Protein backbone atom coordinates (compact mmCIF):
# COMPACT_ATOMS: atom_id res chain seq x y z
CA MET A 1 98.14 38.85 145.41
CA SER A 2 96.14 36.13 143.65
CA LEU A 3 92.42 35.84 144.26
CA ILE A 4 92.91 32.36 145.73
CA LYS A 5 95.66 33.40 148.14
CA ASN A 6 93.65 36.41 149.24
CA ALA A 7 90.57 34.25 149.88
CA PHE A 8 92.61 31.79 151.96
CA GLU A 9 94.15 34.59 154.01
CA THR A 10 90.71 36.05 154.68
CA LYS A 11 89.48 32.69 155.96
CA SER A 12 92.54 32.33 158.18
CA GLU A 13 91.93 35.80 159.64
CA GLN A 14 88.34 34.74 160.37
CA ASN A 15 89.71 31.65 162.18
CA GLU A 16 88.12 29.24 159.72
CA ALA A 17 89.44 26.65 157.31
CA ALA A 18 88.60 27.31 153.68
CA LEU A 19 85.93 25.20 151.97
CA LEU A 20 86.31 24.26 148.32
CA SER A 21 83.54 22.61 146.35
CA TYR A 22 83.94 20.34 143.36
CA THR A 23 81.26 19.92 140.73
CA VAL A 24 81.49 18.90 137.09
CA ALA A 25 80.96 21.75 134.62
CA CYS A 26 77.51 21.73 132.98
CA ASP A 27 76.13 19.00 135.27
CA PRO A 28 73.31 18.20 134.74
CA ASN A 29 73.04 20.92 132.09
CA PHE A 30 74.38 24.42 131.42
CA GLU A 31 71.62 26.40 133.13
CA THR A 32 71.41 24.27 136.27
CA SER A 33 75.18 24.10 136.59
CA LEU A 34 75.34 27.89 136.50
CA LYS A 35 72.69 28.11 139.24
CA ILE A 36 74.60 25.56 141.32
CA MET A 37 77.80 27.61 141.04
CA HIS A 38 76.03 30.76 142.20
CA GLU A 39 74.39 28.95 145.13
CA ILE A 40 77.73 27.46 146.18
CA ALA A 41 79.33 30.90 146.17
CA LYS A 42 76.34 32.55 147.89
CA ASN A 43 76.39 29.99 150.69
CA GLY A 44 80.01 30.60 151.56
CA ALA A 45 82.38 28.33 149.67
CA THR A 46 85.84 29.90 149.58
CA ALA A 47 86.55 28.69 146.05
CA LEU A 48 84.90 26.54 143.40
CA GLU A 49 86.66 23.64 141.73
CA ILE A 50 85.06 23.05 138.35
CA GLY A 51 85.73 19.72 136.71
CA ILE A 52 86.28 19.57 132.97
CA PRO A 53 84.67 16.25 131.97
CA HIS A 54 86.84 13.58 130.38
CA ASN A 55 85.76 10.22 128.95
CA CYS A 56 88.53 8.36 130.78
CA CYS A 57 88.48 9.86 134.27
CA ILE A 58 90.68 7.26 135.95
CA GLY A 59 90.92 9.09 139.28
CA GLU A 60 87.17 9.34 139.84
CA GLY A 61 84.78 7.07 141.68
CA ASP A 62 81.24 6.34 140.56
CA LYS A 63 79.62 9.55 141.82
CA ILE A 64 81.82 11.84 139.74
CA GLN A 65 81.87 9.39 136.82
CA ASN A 66 78.06 9.53 136.77
CA ALA A 67 78.22 13.33 136.69
CA VAL A 68 80.73 13.24 133.84
CA ASP A 69 78.50 10.81 131.95
CA ARG A 70 75.50 13.15 132.28
CA VAL A 71 77.55 16.01 130.85
CA LEU A 72 79.09 14.07 127.96
CA ARG A 73 75.69 12.66 126.98
CA ASN A 74 74.62 16.28 126.40
CA ASP A 75 77.45 16.58 123.84
CA THR A 76 79.11 19.27 125.97
CA LYS A 77 82.24 20.79 124.40
CA ILE A 78 85.06 22.67 126.08
CA GLU A 79 83.76 25.92 124.58
CA ASP A 80 80.49 25.36 126.46
CA ILE A 81 82.51 25.11 129.68
CA PHE A 82 84.31 28.35 128.90
CA LYS A 83 80.91 29.99 128.29
CA LEU A 84 79.74 28.72 131.69
CA ILE A 85 82.63 30.50 133.39
CA ILE A 86 82.02 33.67 131.37
CA GLU A 87 78.36 33.69 132.45
CA PHE A 88 79.29 33.16 136.10
CA ARG A 89 81.84 35.96 135.98
CA LYS A 90 79.24 38.44 134.70
CA SER A 91 77.83 38.69 138.23
CA ASN A 92 80.59 37.22 140.40
CA LYS A 93 84.13 38.47 139.98
CA VAL A 94 85.37 37.73 143.50
CA THR A 95 84.97 33.98 144.12
CA PRO A 96 88.08 32.07 143.04
CA LEU A 97 87.53 29.48 140.32
CA ILE A 98 89.78 26.47 139.77
CA PHE A 99 89.62 24.13 136.80
CA MET A 100 90.31 20.47 137.60
CA LEU A 101 91.09 18.47 134.49
CA TYR A 102 93.08 15.81 132.72
CA TYR A 103 96.03 16.97 130.67
CA ASN A 104 94.56 15.94 127.31
CA SER A 105 92.01 18.77 127.52
CA ALA A 106 94.79 21.37 127.70
CA LEU A 107 96.97 19.52 125.19
CA GLN A 108 94.26 19.31 122.54
CA TYR A 109 93.34 22.96 122.99
CA GLY A 110 97.03 23.92 122.92
CA GLU A 111 98.86 24.65 126.18
CA ASP A 112 99.43 28.34 125.52
CA ASN A 113 95.94 28.85 124.13
CA PHE A 114 94.42 27.06 127.09
CA ILE A 115 96.29 29.14 129.66
CA ARG A 116 95.46 32.33 127.75
CA LYS A 117 91.77 31.39 127.60
CA CYS A 118 91.66 30.56 131.31
CA ASN A 119 93.15 33.94 132.11
CA GLU A 120 90.68 35.74 129.82
CA ILE A 121 87.56 34.15 131.29
CA GLY A 122 88.54 34.45 134.95
CA ILE A 123 90.00 31.09 136.00
CA ASN A 124 92.36 31.54 138.96
CA GLY A 125 93.83 28.07 139.39
CA LEU A 126 94.44 24.75 137.64
CA ILE A 127 94.72 21.19 138.92
CA ILE A 128 95.79 18.70 136.25
CA VAL A 129 95.32 15.25 137.66
CA ASP A 130 97.61 13.27 135.34
CA PHE A 131 100.37 15.85 134.74
CA PRO A 132 102.97 15.28 137.47
CA TYR A 133 105.98 17.25 138.62
CA PRO A 134 108.57 17.83 137.14
CA GLN A 135 106.99 17.20 133.73
CA ASN A 136 104.57 20.04 134.45
CA PHE A 137 107.32 22.48 135.48
CA ASP A 138 107.30 24.63 132.32
CA PHE A 139 103.51 24.59 132.15
CA ALA A 140 103.31 25.72 135.79
CA LYS A 141 105.69 28.59 135.05
CA LYS A 142 103.48 29.72 132.16
CA CYS A 143 100.48 29.63 134.50
CA LYS A 144 102.25 31.77 137.07
CA ALA A 145 103.18 34.31 134.40
CA SER A 146 99.47 34.55 133.59
CA ASN A 147 98.49 34.97 137.27
CA ILE A 148 97.02 31.46 137.42
CA THR A 149 97.93 29.27 140.39
CA PHE A 150 99.09 25.82 139.29
CA ILE A 151 98.23 23.44 142.12
CA GLN A 152 100.62 20.51 142.54
CA LEU A 153 99.55 17.10 143.83
CA LEU A 154 101.06 15.10 146.69
CA SER A 155 99.92 11.72 147.98
CA PRO A 156 100.60 9.40 150.93
CA THR A 157 103.23 7.59 148.84
CA THR A 158 105.25 10.74 148.03
CA ASN A 159 108.62 10.38 149.74
CA GLU A 160 110.03 13.30 151.69
CA ASP A 161 112.79 14.17 149.21
CA ARG A 162 110.33 14.43 146.35
CA MET A 163 107.87 16.24 148.61
CA LYS A 164 110.44 18.95 149.33
CA LYS A 165 111.17 19.48 145.64
CA VAL A 166 107.49 19.75 144.73
CA ILE A 167 106.58 22.02 147.64
CA ASN A 168 109.50 24.39 147.13
CA ASP A 169 108.44 24.89 143.51
CA SER A 170 104.77 25.41 144.42
CA ASP A 171 102.41 28.10 145.62
CA MET A 172 99.66 25.63 146.45
CA ILE A 173 99.38 21.90 147.16
CA TYR A 174 96.49 19.45 146.79
CA TYR A 175 97.12 16.62 149.25
CA ILE A 176 95.38 13.38 148.26
CA SER A 177 94.40 11.98 151.66
CA MET A 178 94.36 8.28 150.77
CA LEU A 179 95.11 5.74 148.05
CA SER A 180 91.71 5.54 146.39
CA THR A 181 89.54 6.99 143.68
CA THR A 182 87.36 9.91 144.67
CA GLY A 183 84.25 9.23 146.70
CA GLY A 184 85.63 6.33 148.69
CA LYS A 185 85.10 6.03 152.43
CA LEU A 186 87.96 7.64 154.34
CA LYS A 187 90.43 4.80 154.93
CA VAL A 188 92.96 6.79 156.95
CA VAL A 189 92.41 8.29 160.38
CA PRO A 190 92.28 12.11 160.22
CA GLU A 191 95.22 12.37 162.63
CA GLU A 192 97.46 10.61 160.10
CA ILE A 193 96.33 12.93 157.31
CA LEU A 194 96.95 15.97 159.50
CA GLU A 195 100.46 14.73 160.30
CA LYS A 196 101.23 14.81 156.56
CA TYR A 197 99.61 18.24 156.37
CA LYS A 198 101.89 19.49 159.16
CA LEU A 199 104.91 18.02 157.40
CA ILE A 200 104.03 19.92 154.22
CA LYS A 201 103.64 23.16 156.18
CA SER A 202 106.94 22.58 157.97
CA ILE A 203 108.71 22.43 154.63
CA LYS A 204 107.15 25.68 153.37
CA LYS A 205 105.03 27.56 155.87
CA ASP A 206 103.29 29.88 153.41
CA VAL A 207 102.20 27.20 150.92
CA ASN A 208 98.43 26.73 150.97
CA VAL A 209 97.26 23.13 151.25
CA ILE A 210 93.99 21.60 150.09
CA ILE A 211 93.05 18.22 151.58
CA GLY A 212 90.87 16.11 149.31
CA PHE A 213 89.38 12.60 148.91
CA GLY A 214 86.96 11.17 151.47
CA ILE A 215 85.81 14.49 153.00
CA THR A 216 82.14 14.41 154.03
CA PRO A 217 79.84 16.26 156.45
CA GLU A 218 80.52 13.48 158.97
CA ASN A 219 84.28 14.06 159.17
CA ILE A 220 84.86 17.61 157.94
CA ASN A 221 85.07 19.02 161.48
CA GLN A 222 88.21 16.97 162.10
CA PHE A 223 90.06 18.99 159.45
CA LYS A 224 89.20 22.47 160.69
CA GLN A 225 92.80 23.14 161.74
CA SER A 226 94.02 22.66 158.16
CA ASP A 227 94.16 25.38 155.50
CA SER A 228 91.31 23.91 153.51
CA VAL A 229 89.36 20.87 152.38
CA VAL A 230 87.48 20.06 149.19
CA VAL A 231 84.17 18.22 149.02
CA GLY A 232 83.27 16.76 145.63
CA SER A 233 81.74 13.29 145.37
CA PHE A 234 79.23 14.07 148.11
CA LEU A 235 78.01 17.09 146.11
CA CYS A 236 77.90 15.21 142.80
CA ASN A 237 75.84 12.48 144.45
CA LYS A 238 73.45 15.08 145.90
CA ILE A 239 72.95 16.53 142.41
CA GLU A 240 72.06 13.05 141.16
CA GLU A 241 69.67 12.44 144.07
CA SER A 242 68.00 15.83 143.55
CA ILE A 243 67.36 15.10 139.89
CA ARG A 244 65.90 11.70 140.75
CA ASP A 245 63.67 13.19 143.47
CA GLY A 246 62.45 16.11 141.35
CA LYS A 247 64.17 18.73 143.51
CA ASP A 248 66.17 21.77 142.47
CA PRO A 249 69.83 20.67 142.70
CA SER A 250 71.07 24.23 143.18
CA ILE A 251 68.97 24.74 146.32
CA GLU A 252 69.99 21.37 147.76
CA ILE A 253 73.68 22.03 147.10
CA GLY A 254 73.43 25.50 148.62
CA LYS A 255 72.07 24.01 151.85
CA ILE A 256 74.91 21.50 152.03
CA ILE A 257 77.59 24.16 151.49
CA SER A 258 76.15 26.22 154.34
CA GLU A 259 76.20 23.17 156.63
CA LEU A 260 79.73 22.18 155.62
CA ASN A 261 81.02 25.66 156.47
CA THR A 262 79.88 25.33 160.06
CA GLY A 263 82.18 22.32 160.42
CA LEU A 264 85.23 24.39 159.59
CA LEU A 265 84.84 26.98 162.34
CA ARG A 266 87.82 26.75 164.70
């Protein structure tokens, strides 16, 4: 059983939804990013989504774009991001790690080399924002052969026929809750999002579903009956605020993760 699937099952047995965090790798720098990752894990996140920065992150709102800008201004390379994961794995081998990226990062590294490297350093899942099904079919198969979960994307505009095809070829789904970039105010009532969630589960009961976009401390409790949610822009903004206020971002993020978890108790 994959580390991600096992972590989700554990949360379900504990009658809680899983909490995923999203932060950009090496934000604001290597050392602080590593501390943030450890604090997120220590304070109870089920899995960590780690963003690989890209200079044309078309799906991101200003909070994540600002984080990406901080990282790229430090001349961060993909090898630095791999080193970050290696350092984290020296003391934490149990928390699932998921890379979220744009396809060009994998393409330039070489698909096979990228998958092999992810497996070597302890990455358990991949979300590639601009690599849709079925174009990603062969890549997803390669991931599965390397014990890496390839997480497919669905959105509110995905029709039911396409939805069935994607879900039946998937082990895990990221459901984009609304038509927006990341960090926008939730434009859809939670009940509508949960109806789509239930539809996905009705098609394939054992597929794990992540709900993302617009999740904040104010609304997270309304999604506690789902498999999981991911919080990203809120965390990236808190990192930025902490830097500006002279606080330790890792401590501030740890506090937020602990608070978010309480909202997912059923």
